[in-house]
Structures are given as C-alpha cells and as structure tokens.
Amino acid sequence: MRRILWIVTAVFIVVVAFLWWRTSQPPISLAPILTFIPKHVSIKRDFAAGVFQYEIEMAEGKKWRWTAWLREKGKYVMFEGSLGFFDFDGDGCEEFFFTVDEALWVFKRRESVKGEKLPEQKFPSWFPLPENQWVLWSRIPIGDFNAELIFVTEPDPQQPRKVVIWVEHSSPGGQCLLLSRDGRQLIPFTAGEWIGIDSVEDLDHDGICELILEGHNLRAPAVKAIYKWDGKIYRLWWMPEKRDGHLLDATLCDLDGDGTKEIVALLDLKGAAYNSTPFRALSIYRLEHGRYHKVTQIRLPDWTNFFKWEYGAIASVPASKGAIIAFEFVPPKWRIFVRDLLPSPLQRWWNEWFCKEQYETWWLIGNGKKVRVQSQWRGMKPSGVWGVSGKVVWFDLEGKVYHTVIASVNGRCYTVWQGKPSALMGGDWDGDGDDELIVGEKDKGKLTVFKVQWRERR
C-alpha cells in the first residue's frame, strides 16, 4: 500500500512539473528564415532624432534600407526643418516657409489670396520659387536663434491646424510660441526655459492633441510638462504638484492596455534635483475625469535614475499592454568618497565591486490603480532594437557579455533568443508588415534573419 502511495505521489509530481514546464514555455519562437553574407552594412544611430538608420547591400547589389524609431514622436505631428510647405491657415493651399535672416518668412500662392489686399514686397535674393506665382504673406522676426517648427494636424478634422515654434534662447533652453491664425504674430505660452517639444499626442481622445514639453532640471519648471489647447492658446495641463516631490523624469505609456496612456514619473520625494540624501520613487499618474491624478507609488533605491541614451531618449518601447522601463543605479557618494581615500592598488578593486553603475529593466503592467512589476532583469539595459509582429512586441536587452531578446505575449514576457552578436537590427525585412530580427556575426561575416513564429495555433 505504501509503495502504491509513493508511486501515485511521484506520478502526480511529474505531471505537475510537466504542466508547469509546458505553460512556462514561450508560445512563440524566433526562427531563422534567411542567412547570407552581405556586401555592405551601415548602421547610423541618430540619437538626437531618436532613430536608427540601417542600410544593407546584398552581394547581387540589391539594397535594403529602413528607419527604426527609438521612441514615439506622436501620431498627429509633422516635424520639419527650417523650410518646407504646409497649409498654415487651412484654406487648402500650402504655403512655403523658410526660417532665415533672423525671421520666419511665409509665402502664399497668388491664386489663394484673390480678393485679399497684400502689399507688394520685394522678394529676397534667396527665394527659390517662381516669383510670379507667390506673394510674401508674413515675415516674423525670431532673432538670431535656432528654431524648430512643429505642425499639428488634429485627429478631429473640424479643428484648425496649428503651428508651434520652439525658439532657443540659451543653451539648452528656449521658449514655445504659437503662430496666430493670420500668420502675423507669435504668441508665447510657456514660462521658463524648455529644451523643446518631446511629442504631440491626443492623450484624452477628444480629437485635439496635447503638447509634451521637455525641460531642464536647472532652468525649466519641470523636466516634463503637458500643455492642452483651450480653444485659443495652449495652457499648462499637467505637472507634478510640489507636495508630490521633484520630478526627475517621466514617460508616457499604456500600462493596462485600455488605449489611454498613463504617466510613469521618477520623483525625488525630498523635493530636490540634486539631493545629497535622495529619496526616490516611481509614481503612476492616471487620467481620471479629464485630469491626471497620482494613483500609486513604488519605492526605489535612493540613487536611481531612468537609464537614457546619450541625447536623452528614455529607454522604453511601445507595447499593447505594459511598458519597459530601464533604471540606472548610481553608487552612493560615500562609496566614491571611500574610493578616493584608498591607495592606488585598492582603488581599482573598490571601483570594480562597489562604484560601478548598475542597470535593471522592468516590465510594468497595470490594472486600474494597481501597478506591478511583471518581470525584471538585473544587469540588463535596452539596446534600442525592438519590433512588432502582430500582437507580439519583442525587444533586445544588453548585458555585459550577451544580448537577450524578450517577447511580450498577452502581457507576459518570454526569452526567445540569446547570443553574442556583433550587430542587431530590427525591421520589416520581407514587407509583410511584421518586424524581423537581423543578427550579425562578425567572425563569420554573415547576417541571419529571424522571424516570429507561433509554436501552436492560438
């Protein structure tokens, strides 16, 4: 009898272990579909624009180019340089604009101003278009400063288009201004020094976009703020209250998959940007009744920062539900102080074990006011390579000696690839609308293309 009981118990344990193993296996895999030796590979990491630019030339001369965005810039905004065409007043005819000679010049087509009396003005020598087809509409002085024009076409077609201009006053700060409907004046709507406009998005789904501004700890009122259109001008809509603490950084992401983004903010609860004894937390703000309100807070180690690339792109990737947030843990100042007191032979050892910056990546998901860390990877940071295949979001994490590709399926994360590549890329290789992972092996001189495949039909 006892032997039968032992056999039944052993079988039960084996069955439970098998079922647990089966459910923990990723439902997808990255399967190789093509391996080849390229003639030329070029990777440009334009961090300031938030993009990777790839170019692969095949042996037979065929070229494959694409651009991968590191961060969302907004769905309804068109970022332009210093010249181009845009319908400023919504009359159906595009105007030509140029920022030169310390001014913003706007020219209209002659047929679009019939019946409107505009004084004839001499065209500047640099005007590149046929003068008999254009007329100078406005010339607005902006001074000898760098300027960035942002053109907003609203989701609601009944809403007027808007032209926002960020003008740099001092490095790295500036002011945001709105171009009036008649194109004759610039109306300032911000106070303090701002680095620029990070993105333009319709956060509350009312058909009108909000502006997400990026600031500097020392000059701006906050490092992030949201401005909302009130019918005439943009006004401040969200910025952490002083009682919440000092805002060190923030990012927007949809934690619960309801289509509305939450604000994930890194705060110093002692209310200072550079505190000798920081007290930091991750705060979640949720949109409720037309305003963002703080709903929960996660305590963090004191010396915590968002991990950033060189030019400030927060290391997060888009997902249908959840967000990837990467942290950088800076060693406390007392450890650095002790290191400087040690003799030279011991400084290297102390620095290696106690003064190195540590990285950690979290997968955050939310359900209403509850937010939890679904997965975390110590010693890993995002490399900026990611892709979307159907409802699957996959992204690469970089460690000291190897890379790990993680896939998110229905809110759960699985490891689908590991290795030591010389280069990683992500993009739609075969034009089917899904992104593939391209892995480079320098020692073998070849590239391998991996495609997401389901292990079983779901």
Protein backbone atom coordinates (compact mmCIF):
# COMPACT_ATOMS: atom_id res chain seq x y z
CA MET A 1 0.00 0.00 0.00
CA ARG A 2 2.78 2.37 0.92
CA ARG A 3 4.57 1.61 -2.34
CA ILE A 4 1.42 2.43 -4.34
CA LEU A 5 1.08 5.72 -2.44
CA TRP A 6 4.70 6.62 -3.28
CA ILE A 7 4.14 5.78 -6.96
CA VAL A 8 0.95 7.88 -7.12
CA THR A 9 2.71 10.79 -5.41
CA ALA A 10 5.69 10.56 -7.78
CA VAL A 11 3.40 10.46 -10.83
CA PHE A 12 1.46 13.45 -9.52
CA ILE A 13 4.67 15.45 -9.01
CA VAL A 14 5.91 14.56 -12.50
CA VAL A 15 2.58 15.56 -14.09
CA VAL A 16 2.51 18.88 -12.19
CA ALA A 17 6.14 19.59 -13.13
CA PHE A 18 5.42 18.79 -16.80
CA LEU A 19 2.34 21.03 -16.87
CA TRP A 20 4.27 23.84 -15.19
CA TRP A 21 7.13 23.45 -17.68
CA ARG A 22 4.69 23.41 -20.61
CA THR A 23 2.85 26.58 -19.51
CA SER A 24 6.15 28.38 -18.87
CA GLN A 25 7.40 27.73 -22.40
CA PRO A 26 7.06 30.72 -24.73
CA PRO A 27 4.18 30.31 -27.20
CA ILE A 28 6.38 31.86 -29.90
CA SER A 29 9.93 31.47 -31.13
CA LEU A 30 12.34 33.35 -33.39
CA ALA A 31 13.03 31.03 -36.31
CA PRO A 32 15.80 31.70 -38.88
CA ILE A 33 14.42 32.21 -42.37
CA LEU A 34 17.49 33.50 -44.22
CA THR A 35 21.29 33.54 -43.83
CA PHE A 36 23.55 35.44 -46.21
CA ILE A 37 26.89 37.25 -46.47
CA PRO A 38 26.26 40.96 -47.11
CA LYS A 39 28.39 43.16 -49.32
CA HIS A 40 28.00 46.20 -47.07
CA VAL A 41 26.22 47.05 -43.78
CA SER A 42 25.72 50.57 -42.44
CA ILE A 43 24.10 51.46 -39.09
CA LYS A 44 23.60 55.11 -38.16
CA ARG A 45 22.44 55.82 -34.62
CA ASP A 46 20.94 59.30 -34.75
CA PHE A 47 20.03 59.61 -31.08
CA ALA A 48 19.10 63.29 -31.36
CA ALA A 49 16.31 62.39 -33.78
CA GLY A 50 15.50 59.20 -31.88
CA VAL A 51 16.10 56.82 -34.79
CA PHE A 52 18.33 54.04 -36.08
CA GLN A 53 19.00 54.12 -39.82
CA TYR A 54 20.04 50.86 -41.45
CA GLU A 55 21.33 50.01 -44.91
CA ILE A 56 22.25 46.52 -46.07
CA GLU A 57 23.64 45.86 -49.55
CA MET A 58 23.33 42.32 -50.83
CA ALA A 59 26.05 40.57 -52.84
CA GLU A 60 23.97 40.94 -56.04
CA GLY A 61 23.76 44.71 -55.49
CA LYS A 62 20.23 44.91 -54.06
CA LYS A 63 19.94 47.42 -51.20
CA TRP A 64 17.64 47.26 -48.19
CA ARG A 65 17.07 50.48 -46.22
CA TRP A 66 14.78 51.32 -43.33
CA THR A 67 14.47 53.52 -40.27
CA ALA A 68 13.59 52.27 -36.79
CA TRP A 69 12.24 54.75 -34.24
CA LEU A 70 13.56 54.56 -30.68
CA ARG A 71 10.64 56.49 -29.26
CA GLU A 72 7.21 57.63 -30.35
CA LYS A 73 7.05 61.19 -31.63
CA GLY A 74 3.27 61.33 -31.76
CA LYS A 75 0.74 60.30 -34.38
CA TYR A 76 -0.58 63.67 -35.50
CA VAL A 77 2.54 65.82 -35.71
CA MET A 78 4.87 66.55 -38.59
CA PHE A 79 8.36 67.67 -37.57
CA GLU A 80 10.04 69.80 -40.22
CA GLY A 81 13.33 71.56 -40.62
CA SER A 82 13.85 75.21 -41.46
CA LEU A 83 11.96 75.23 -44.78
CA GLY A 84 9.12 73.41 -46.49
CA PHE A 85 5.43 73.51 -47.39
CA PHE A 86 2.44 73.50 -45.04
CA ASP A 87 -1.15 74.75 -45.15
CA PHE A 88 -0.87 77.27 -42.30
CA ASP A 89 -4.41 78.70 -42.49
CA GLY A 90 -6.32 75.62 -43.66
CA ASP A 91 -7.51 77.14 -46.98
CA GLY A 92 -6.48 74.08 -48.95
CA CYS A 93 -3.35 75.70 -50.44
CA GLU A 94 0.06 75.01 -48.96
CA GLU A 95 2.27 77.95 -48.02
CA PHE A 96 6.04 77.97 -48.42
CA PHE A 97 8.01 78.81 -45.25
CA PHE A 98 11.67 79.48 -44.58
CA THR A 99 13.49 80.45 -41.35
CA VAL A 100 16.41 82.59 -42.48
CA ASP A 101 17.84 86.09 -41.87
CA GLU A 102 16.64 86.02 -38.23
CA ALA A 103 12.99 85.71 -39.29
CA LEU A 104 10.23 83.29 -40.25
CA TRP A 105 9.17 84.01 -43.85
CA VAL A 106 5.80 82.71 -45.11
CA PHE A 107 4.79 82.95 -48.79
CA LYS A 108 1.32 82.24 -50.22
CA ARG A 109 0.31 81.26 -53.73
CA ARG A 110 -1.18 84.17 -55.61
CA GLU A 111 -4.39 82.30 -56.50
CA SER A 112 -5.07 81.66 -52.78
CA VAL A 113 -5.14 85.40 -51.92
CA LYS A 114 -7.53 86.63 -54.60
CA GLY A 115 -9.65 89.42 -53.16
CA GLU A 116 -7.21 89.95 -50.29
CA LYS A 117 -5.11 93.08 -50.48
CA LEU A 118 -1.48 92.36 -49.69
CA PRO A 119 1.23 94.95 -50.21
CA GLU A 120 3.64 94.06 -52.98
CA GLN A 121 7.06 93.45 -51.46
CA LYS A 122 10.40 92.74 -53.00
CA PHE A 123 11.38 89.08 -52.84
CA PRO A 124 14.63 88.23 -51.04
CA SER A 125 17.53 87.11 -53.20
CA TRP A 126 17.44 83.56 -51.80
CA PHE A 127 13.78 82.89 -52.80
CA PRO A 128 13.95 79.59 -54.77
CA LEU A 129 10.48 79.54 -56.44
CA PRO A 130 8.94 81.40 -59.42
CA GLU A 131 8.18 84.89 -58.11
CA ASN A 132 5.15 85.42 -60.36
CA GLN A 133 3.32 82.56 -58.57
CA TRP A 134 3.95 83.64 -54.98
CA VAL A 135 3.44 86.60 -52.68
CA LEU A 136 5.00 87.35 -49.29
CA TRP A 137 2.30 86.72 -46.67
CA SER A 138 4.23 87.47 -43.47
CA ARG A 139 7.70 88.00 -42.08
CA ILE A 140 8.06 87.47 -38.31
CA PRO A 141 11.37 88.31 -36.59
CA ILE A 142 12.66 85.50 -34.33
CA GLY A 143 16.18 86.78 -33.69
CA ASP A 144 19.48 85.07 -34.24
CA PHE A 145 18.40 81.83 -32.56
CA ASN A 146 17.81 78.24 -33.56
CA ALA A 147 14.15 77.49 -34.22
CA GLU A 148 12.12 74.31 -34.65
CA LEU A 149 8.70 74.35 -36.32
CA ILE A 150 6.08 71.80 -35.28
CA PHE A 151 2.97 71.40 -37.44
CA VAL A 152 -0.06 69.84 -35.78
CA THR A 153 -2.89 68.32 -37.81
CA GLU A 154 -5.58 67.36 -35.31
CA PRO A 155 -7.38 63.97 -35.28
CA ASP A 156 -10.65 65.94 -35.44
CA PRO A 157 -10.77 67.37 -39.00
CA GLN A 158 -13.02 70.21 -37.78
CA GLN A 159 -10.20 71.55 -35.63
CA PRO A 160 -7.82 74.13 -37.13
CA ARG A 161 -4.23 73.24 -37.86
CA LYS A 162 -1.64 74.72 -35.54
CA VAL A 163 1.94 75.83 -35.96
CA VAL A 164 4.09 75.81 -32.82
CA ILE A 165 7.60 77.21 -32.84
CA TRP A 166 10.32 76.48 -30.30
CA VAL A 167 12.96 79.19 -30.28
CA GLU A 168 16.25 78.59 -28.49
CA HIS A 169 17.22 81.48 -26.22
CA SER A 170 20.11 79.91 -24.36
CA SER A 171 21.80 76.54 -24.44
CA PRO A 172 19.96 74.27 -23.86
CA GLY A 173 16.77 76.27 -23.15
CA GLY A 174 14.13 78.08 -25.16
CA GLN A 175 10.53 79.23 -25.39
CA CYS A 176 7.46 77.83 -27.15
CA LEU A 177 5.26 80.14 -29.21
CA LEU A 178 2.05 79.70 -31.22
CA LEU A 179 1.72 81.21 -34.69
CA SER A 180 -1.55 83.18 -34.91
CA ARG A 181 -4.16 82.15 -37.49
CA ASP A 182 -3.43 85.19 -39.65
CA GLY A 183 0.29 84.31 -39.64
CA ARG A 184 1.24 87.77 -38.43
CA GLN A 185 2.47 87.20 -34.88
CA LEU A 186 3.93 84.64 -32.47
CA ILE A 187 2.14 84.20 -29.13
CA PRO A 188 4.27 82.83 -26.25
CA PHE A 189 2.56 80.32 -23.95
CA THR A 190 5.33 78.89 -21.75
CA ALA A 191 7.31 80.24 -18.82
CA GLY A 192 10.84 79.17 -18.01
CA GLU A 193 13.42 77.53 -20.27
CA TRP A 194 12.40 74.39 -22.18
CA ILE A 195 14.61 72.08 -24.27
CA GLY A 196 11.83 71.55 -26.80
CA ILE A 197 8.65 69.62 -27.58
CA ASP A 198 9.12 65.91 -26.95
CA SER A 199 5.93 64.68 -28.64
CA VAL A 200 2.41 65.67 -29.69
CA GLU A 201 -0.40 63.24 -28.84
CA ASP A 202 -4.15 63.16 -28.24
CA LEU A 203 -3.94 61.80 -24.69
CA ASP A 204 -7.59 62.21 -23.63
CA HIS A 205 -9.09 61.19 -27.03
CA ASP A 206 -11.04 64.43 -27.52
CA GLY A 207 -9.75 64.95 -31.05
CA ILE A 208 -7.28 67.69 -30.03
CA CYS A 209 -3.61 66.97 -29.39
CA GLU A 210 -1.64 67.88 -26.30
CA LEU A 211 1.98 69.05 -26.32
CA ILE A 212 4.50 67.19 -24.15
CA LEU A 213 7.34 69.58 -23.33
CA GLU A 214 10.81 68.59 -22.19
CA GLY A 215 12.74 70.80 -19.79
CA HIS A 216 16.00 71.04 -17.89
CA ASN A 217 16.35 70.48 -14.15
CA LEU A 218 18.03 73.83 -13.52
CA ARG A 219 16.07 76.21 -15.79
CA ALA A 220 12.62 74.79 -16.53
CA PRO A 221 9.76 74.46 -14.00
CA ALA A 222 9.96 70.67 -14.56
CA VAL A 223 11.71 68.17 -16.84
CA LYS A 224 8.32 67.22 -18.34
CA ALA A 225 5.02 69.07 -18.63
CA ILE A 226 1.85 68.69 -20.71
CA TYR A 227 0.09 71.63 -22.34
CA LYS A 228 -3.54 71.44 -23.55
CA TRP A 229 -5.40 73.53 -26.13
CA ASP A 230 -8.23 75.65 -24.62
CA GLY A 231 -9.64 76.94 -27.90
CA LYS A 232 -7.31 79.94 -28.18
CA ILE A 233 -3.93 79.03 -26.72
CA TYR A 234 -2.06 76.14 -25.07
CA ARG A 235 -2.20 76.13 -21.27
CA LEU A 236 -0.43 74.00 -18.65
CA TRP A 237 -2.43 70.81 -18.07
CA TRP A 238 -0.11 68.55 -16.05
CA MET A 239 2.98 68.98 -13.97
CA PRO A 240 3.59 67.27 -10.59
CA GLU A 241 2.48 69.26 -7.58
CA LYS A 242 5.18 70.39 -5.17
CA ARG A 243 3.83 68.10 -2.46
CA ASP A 244 4.46 65.10 -4.78
CA GLY A 245 8.20 65.81 -4.90
CA HIS A 246 10.65 66.97 -7.53
CA LEU A 247 10.16 65.48 -10.99
CA LEU A 248 13.40 63.96 -12.30
CA ASP A 249 11.98 62.30 -15.42
CA ALA A 250 8.77 60.92 -16.87
CA THR A 251 7.46 58.88 -19.77
CA LEU A 252 4.00 58.12 -21.19
CA CYS A 253 2.87 54.51 -21.69
CA ASP A 254 -0.30 52.42 -21.66
CA LEU A 255 0.13 50.14 -18.65
CA ASP A 256 -3.28 48.43 -18.69
CA GLY A 257 -3.98 48.20 -22.42
CA ASP A 258 -7.14 50.36 -22.35
CA GLY A 259 -5.83 52.71 -25.05
CA THR A 260 -5.18 55.63 -22.68
CA LYS A 261 -1.62 56.35 -21.62
CA GLU A 262 -0.50 56.69 -18.02
CA ILE A 263 2.38 58.87 -16.85
CA VAL A 264 5.26 56.99 -15.22
CA ALA A 265 7.25 59.59 -13.27
CA LEU A 266 10.54 59.35 -11.38
CA LEU A 267 10.32 61.65 -8.34
CA ASP A 268 12.63 62.71 -5.55
CA LEU A 269 10.29 62.88 -2.56
CA LYS A 270 12.58 65.30 -0.73
CA GLY A 271 11.87 67.85 -3.43
CA ALA A 272 15.32 68.50 -4.90
CA ALA A 273 17.03 67.60 -8.15
CA TYR A 274 20.49 67.14 -6.64
CA ASN A 275 19.99 65.97 -3.08
CA SER A 276 22.88 64.59 -1.04
CA THR A 277 20.45 62.09 0.54
CA PRO A 278 17.82 61.39 -2.15
CA PHE A 279 14.55 59.58 -1.51
CA ARG A 280 13.20 58.37 -4.84
CA ALA A 281 10.02 56.71 -6.01
CA LEU A 282 8.25 55.70 -9.20
CA SER A 283 4.83 57.40 -9.30
CA ILE A 284 1.98 56.49 -11.64
CA TYR A 285 -0.48 59.14 -12.84
CA ARG A 286 -3.76 58.02 -14.40
CA LEU A 287 -6.21 60.07 -16.47
CA GLU A 288 -9.45 60.44 -14.49
CA HIS A 289 -12.23 62.98 -15.06
CA GLY A 290 -10.19 64.99 -17.54
CA ARG A 291 -7.06 65.27 -15.35
CA TYR A 292 -4.00 63.19 -14.49
CA HIS A 293 -4.01 62.12 -10.83
CA LYS A 294 -1.42 60.11 -8.93
CA VAL A 295 -2.83 56.66 -8.14
CA THR A 296 0.12 54.70 -6.78
CA GLN A 297 3.82 54.87 -5.94
CA ILE A 298 6.68 52.35 -5.92
CA ARG A 299 9.66 52.98 -3.63
CA LEU A 300 13.07 52.82 -5.34
CA PRO A 301 16.68 52.70 -4.14
CA ASP A 302 17.90 56.19 -3.29
CA TRP A 303 20.34 56.68 -6.16
CA THR A 304 18.03 55.73 -9.04
CA ASN A 305 17.75 57.38 -12.45
CA PHE A 306 15.99 56.43 -15.66
CA PHE A 307 18.54 54.88 -17.99
CA LYS A 308 18.99 57.16 -21.00
CA TRP A 309 20.85 57.18 -24.25
CA GLU A 310 23.31 59.92 -24.99
CA TYR A 311 20.76 62.51 -26.05
CA GLY A 312 18.04 61.77 -23.55
CA ALA A 313 15.67 59.23 -25.13
CA ILE A 314 14.06 57.30 -22.30
CA ALA A 315 14.65 53.60 -22.75
CA SER A 316 11.12 52.33 -23.25
CA VAL A 317 9.39 50.55 -26.12
CA PRO A 318 5.73 50.68 -27.20
CA ALA A 319 3.52 47.77 -26.24
CA SER A 320 -0.17 46.91 -26.34
CA LYS A 321 -0.19 46.45 -22.58
CA GLY A 322 2.63 47.35 -20.24
CA ALA A 323 5.86 49.27 -20.55
CA ILE A 324 9.58 48.63 -20.47
CA ILE A 325 11.34 51.00 -18.08
CA ALA A 326 15.11 50.84 -17.56
CA PHE A 327 16.86 52.14 -14.44
CA GLU A 328 20.39 53.18 -13.72
CA PHE A 329 21.54 52.78 -10.11
CA VAL A 330 24.30 55.21 -9.29
CA PRO A 331 26.61 54.30 -6.35
CA PRO A 332 26.11 56.41 -3.20
CA LYS A 333 28.51 59.29 -2.73
CA TRP A 334 30.08 57.74 0.37
CA ARG A 335 31.41 54.83 -1.70
CA ILE A 336 33.08 57.24 -4.12
CA PHE A 337 34.49 59.17 -1.16
CA VAL A 338 35.99 55.98 0.31
CA ARG A 339 37.44 55.02 -3.08
CA ASP A 340 39.27 58.34 -3.34
CA LEU A 341 40.85 57.76 0.08
CA LEU A 342 42.18 54.30 -0.76
CA PRO A 343 45.73 53.74 -2.07
CA SER A 344 46.05 53.21 -5.82
CA PRO A 345 46.28 49.37 -5.76
CA LEU A 346 42.95 49.13 -3.91
CA GLN A 347 41.10 51.83 -5.85
CA ARG A 348 40.59 49.65 -8.93
CA TRP A 349 39.26 46.75 -6.85
CA TRP A 350 36.92 49.02 -4.86
CA ASN A 351 35.70 50.74 -8.01
CA GLU A 352 35.01 47.40 -9.72
CA TRP A 353 32.93 46.00 -6.85
CA PHE A 354 31.30 49.00 -5.20
CA CYS A 355 31.35 52.05 -7.51
CA LYS A 356 30.13 50.77 -10.85
CA GLU A 357 26.75 51.87 -12.18
CA GLN A 358 24.22 49.05 -12.18
CA TYR A 359 21.34 48.59 -14.60
CA GLU A 360 17.95 46.97 -14.23
CA THR A 361 15.00 46.71 -16.61
CA TRP A 362 11.38 46.36 -15.50
CA TRP A 363 8.25 45.25 -17.31
CA LEU A 364 5.42 47.23 -15.69
CA ILE A 365 1.74 46.39 -16.14
CA GLY A 366 -1.28 47.98 -14.53
CA ASN A 367 -4.89 47.19 -13.74
CA GLY A 368 -6.77 50.30 -12.75
CA LYS A 369 -4.97 51.85 -9.80
CA LYS A 370 -2.84 48.75 -9.23
CA VAL A 371 0.57 48.58 -10.90
CA ARG A 372 3.02 45.73 -10.50
CA VAL A 373 6.41 44.67 -11.82
CA GLN A 374 5.59 41.71 -14.06
CA SER A 375 9.23 40.90 -14.89
CA GLN A 376 12.63 42.35 -14.11
CA TRP A 377 16.11 41.75 -15.48
CA ARG A 378 19.09 42.71 -13.34
CA GLY A 379 22.25 43.88 -15.07
CA MET A 380 20.40 44.36 -18.37
CA LYS A 381 19.52 47.52 -20.30
CA PRO A 382 17.64 48.05 -23.58
CA SER A 383 19.84 48.38 -26.65
CA GLY A 384 17.20 50.25 -28.64
CA VAL A 385 16.46 47.34 -31.00
CA TRP A 386 12.80 46.28 -30.97
CA GLY A 387 9.99 45.25 -33.27
CA VAL A 388 6.27 44.44 -33.51
CA SER A 389 4.90 41.27 -35.08
CA GLY A 390 1.13 41.21 -34.91
CA LYS A 391 0.24 41.47 -31.22
CA VAL A 392 3.73 40.44 -30.17
CA VAL A 393 6.24 43.09 -29.09
CA TRP A 394 9.86 41.96 -28.86
CA PHE A 395 12.88 43.92 -27.68
CA ASP A 396 16.58 43.38 -27.04
CA LEU A 397 18.29 43.69 -23.65
CA GLU A 398 22.04 44.16 -23.48
CA GLY A 399 24.19 42.71 -20.70
CA LYS A 400 27.92 42.67 -20.10
CA VAL A 401 28.68 39.75 -22.38
CA TYR A 402 25.50 38.80 -24.24
CA HIS A 403 22.15 40.01 -25.63
CA THR A 404 18.73 38.65 -24.72
CA VAL A 405 15.63 39.15 -26.88
CA ILE A 406 12.41 39.27 -24.86
CA ALA A 407 8.92 38.88 -26.36
CA SER A 408 5.72 40.10 -24.75
CA VAL A 409 2.70 37.88 -25.43
CA ASN A 410 -0.63 38.73 -23.76
CA GLY A 411 1.16 40.73 -21.07
CA ARG A 412 3.71 38.00 -20.23
CA CYS A 413 7.41 38.13 -21.11
CA TYR A 414 9.44 35.26 -22.55
CA THR A 415 13.09 34.87 -23.55
CA VAL A 416 13.12 33.90 -27.25
CA TRP A 417 16.77 34.44 -28.25
CA GLN A 418 20.19 34.78 -26.59
CA GLY A 419 23.64 35.26 -28.05
CA LYS A 420 26.75 37.39 -28.57
CA PRO A 421 26.10 39.17 -31.86
CA SER A 422 28.34 41.78 -33.42
CA ALA A 423 25.23 43.71 -34.53
CA LEU A 424 21.47 43.54 -34.01
CA MET A 425 18.82 45.19 -36.16
CA GLY A 426 15.05 45.20 -36.30
CA GLY A 427 12.79 45.97 -39.25
CA ASP A 428 10.32 44.62 -41.80
CA TRP A 429 12.65 42.58 -43.99
CA ASP A 430 10.10 40.80 -46.19
CA GLY A 431 7.46 43.56 -46.40
CA ASP A 432 4.67 41.60 -44.70
CA GLY A 433 4.02 44.27 -42.06
CA ASP A 434 5.77 42.37 -39.24
CA ASP A 435 9.25 43.19 -37.99
CA GLU A 436 12.09 40.68 -38.20
CA LEU A 437 15.26 40.43 -36.10
CA ILE A 438 18.54 40.59 -38.06
CA VAL A 439 21.60 39.21 -36.27
CA GLY A 440 25.15 39.90 -37.41
CA GLU A 441 28.11 37.57 -36.76
CA LYS A 442 31.34 39.43 -37.39
CA ASP A 443 33.64 36.40 -37.13
CA LYS A 444 31.64 34.59 -39.83
CA GLY A 445 30.81 37.74 -41.81
CA LYS A 446 27.15 36.80 -42.22
CA LEU A 447 23.68 38.02 -41.29
CA THR A 448 20.77 35.86 -40.20
CA VAL A 449 17.13 36.97 -40.40
CA PHE A 450 14.80 35.64 -37.66
CA LYS A 451 11.01 35.71 -37.90
CA VAL A 452 8.42 35.35 -35.13
CA GLN A 453 6.60 32.02 -35.35
CA TRP A 454 3.87 30.60 -33.13
CA ARG A 455 4.58 27.22 -31.58
CA GLU A 456 0.90 26.39 -31.67
CA ARG A 457 -2.23 27.98 -33.10
CA ARG A 458 -3.87 30.45 -30.69
